[in-house]
Amino acid sequence: MNAQDAIDIAREAIWVGLLIGSPVLVAGMVVGLAIGLLQALTQVQEQTVAFVPKIVAMVLVLSLTLPWLITQMLQYSRDLIGGIPDRL
């Protein structure tokens, strides 16, 4: 294994990590933005008003995308483990 192989593995790991984490993070960001706008309009500055809907939205998105996330992780693991003989 040379340095380029290690860089490629790290790049792929970062890409898969971003891909797996993005649905939950985007859902939290969208709901947080909507709640923040609603709080600014109504001048209600309670932190729990923003926290609970974000958690609910993130859990909902995670439960809906979990099969796809697991598939992505398994595919990355298979490619990584299957590529070991080629890199030796």
Protein backbone atom coordinates (compact mmCIF):
# COMPACT_ATOMS: atom_id res chain seq x y z
CA MET A 1 0.00 0.00 0.00
CA ASN A 2 1.39 3.36 -0.96
CA ALA A 3 0.48 6.88 0.12
CA GLN A 4 -2.01 7.38 -2.71
CA ASP A 5 -3.97 4.29 -1.64
CA ALA A 6 -4.21 5.63 1.93
CA ILE A 7 -5.38 9.01 0.63
CA ASP A 8 -8.00 7.35 -1.58
CA ILE A 9 -9.30 5.26 1.34
CA ALA A 10 -9.49 8.33 3.58
CA ARG A 11 -11.22 10.36 0.88
CA GLU A 12 -13.80 7.63 0.32
CA ALA A 13 -14.38 7.27 4.08
CA ILE A 14 -14.97 11.01 4.44
CA TRP A 15 -17.33 11.02 1.45
CA VAL A 16 -19.37 8.10 2.81
CA GLY A 17 -19.49 9.72 6.25
CA LEU A 18 -20.80 12.96 4.77
CA LEU A 19 -23.31 11.07 2.64
CA ILE A 20 -24.58 9.08 5.61
CA GLY A 21 -24.83 12.04 7.97
CA SER A 22 -26.32 14.55 5.56
CA PRO A 23 -30.03 13.57 5.62
CA VAL A 24 -30.28 13.94 9.40
CA LEU A 25 -28.22 17.12 9.47
CA VAL A 26 -30.19 18.73 6.65
CA ALA A 27 -33.47 17.89 8.38
CA GLY A 28 -32.23 19.44 11.62
CA MET A 29 -31.03 22.52 9.78
CA VAL A 30 -34.29 23.04 7.87
CA VAL A 31 -36.47 22.56 10.94
CA GLY A 32 -34.16 24.75 13.01
CA LEU A 33 -34.33 27.51 10.42
CA ALA A 34 -38.12 27.30 10.26
CA ILE A 35 -38.46 27.33 14.05
CA GLY A 36 -35.98 30.20 14.31
CA LEU A 37 -37.98 32.22 11.80
CA LEU A 38 -41.19 31.43 13.66
CA GLN A 39 -39.59 32.46 16.95
CA ALA A 40 -38.37 35.71 15.44
CA LEU A 41 -41.83 36.49 14.11
CA THR A 42 -43.63 35.71 17.37
CA GLN A 43 -40.80 36.90 19.68
CA VAL A 44 -40.98 33.68 21.70
CA GLN A 45 -37.37 32.94 22.66
CA GLU A 46 -37.74 29.65 24.52
CA GLN A 47 -34.96 27.15 23.76
CA THR A 48 -37.10 24.05 24.23
CA VAL A 49 -39.45 25.26 21.51
CA ALA A 50 -36.59 24.92 19.04
CA PHE A 51 -35.03 21.78 20.50
CA VAL A 52 -37.96 19.35 20.57
CA PRO A 53 -39.14 19.76 16.94
CA LYS A 54 -35.56 19.40 15.67
CA ILE A 55 -35.07 16.16 17.59
CA VAL A 56 -38.42 14.80 16.37
CA ALA A 57 -37.63 15.70 12.76
CA MET A 58 -34.16 14.20 12.94
CA VAL A 59 -35.43 10.94 14.45
CA LEU A 60 -38.15 10.75 11.81
CA VAL A 61 -35.69 11.30 8.96
CA LEU A 62 -33.28 8.79 10.48
CA SER A 63 -36.01 6.17 10.74
CA LEU A 64 -37.08 6.77 7.14
CA THR A 65 -33.58 6.71 5.65
CA LEU A 66 -32.11 3.97 7.84
CA PRO A 67 -32.34 1.18 5.22
CA TRP A 68 -30.54 3.35 2.67
CA LEU A 69 -27.91 4.37 5.22
CA ILE A 70 -27.21 0.76 6.16
CA THR A 71 -26.95 -0.17 2.48
CA GLN A 72 -24.39 2.59 1.91
CA MET A 73 -22.33 1.53 4.92
CA LEU A 74 -22.39 -2.13 3.89
CA GLN A 75 -21.39 -1.28 0.32
CA TYR A 76 -18.46 0.81 1.54
CA SER A 77 -17.38 -1.96 3.91
CA ARG A 78 -17.57 -4.58 1.15
CA ASP A 79 -15.54 -2.42 -1.21
CA LEU A 80 -12.95 -1.67 1.47
CA ILE A 81 -12.54 -5.27 2.62
CA GLY A 82 -12.75 -6.65 -0.91
CA GLY A 83 -9.98 -4.30 -2.04
CA ILE A 84 -7.48 -5.51 0.54
CA PRO A 85 -5.84 -8.14 -1.75
CA ASP A 86 -5.38 -5.55 -4.50
CA ARG A 87 -3.57 -3.16 -2.17
CA LEU A 88 -1.08 -5.66 -0.76
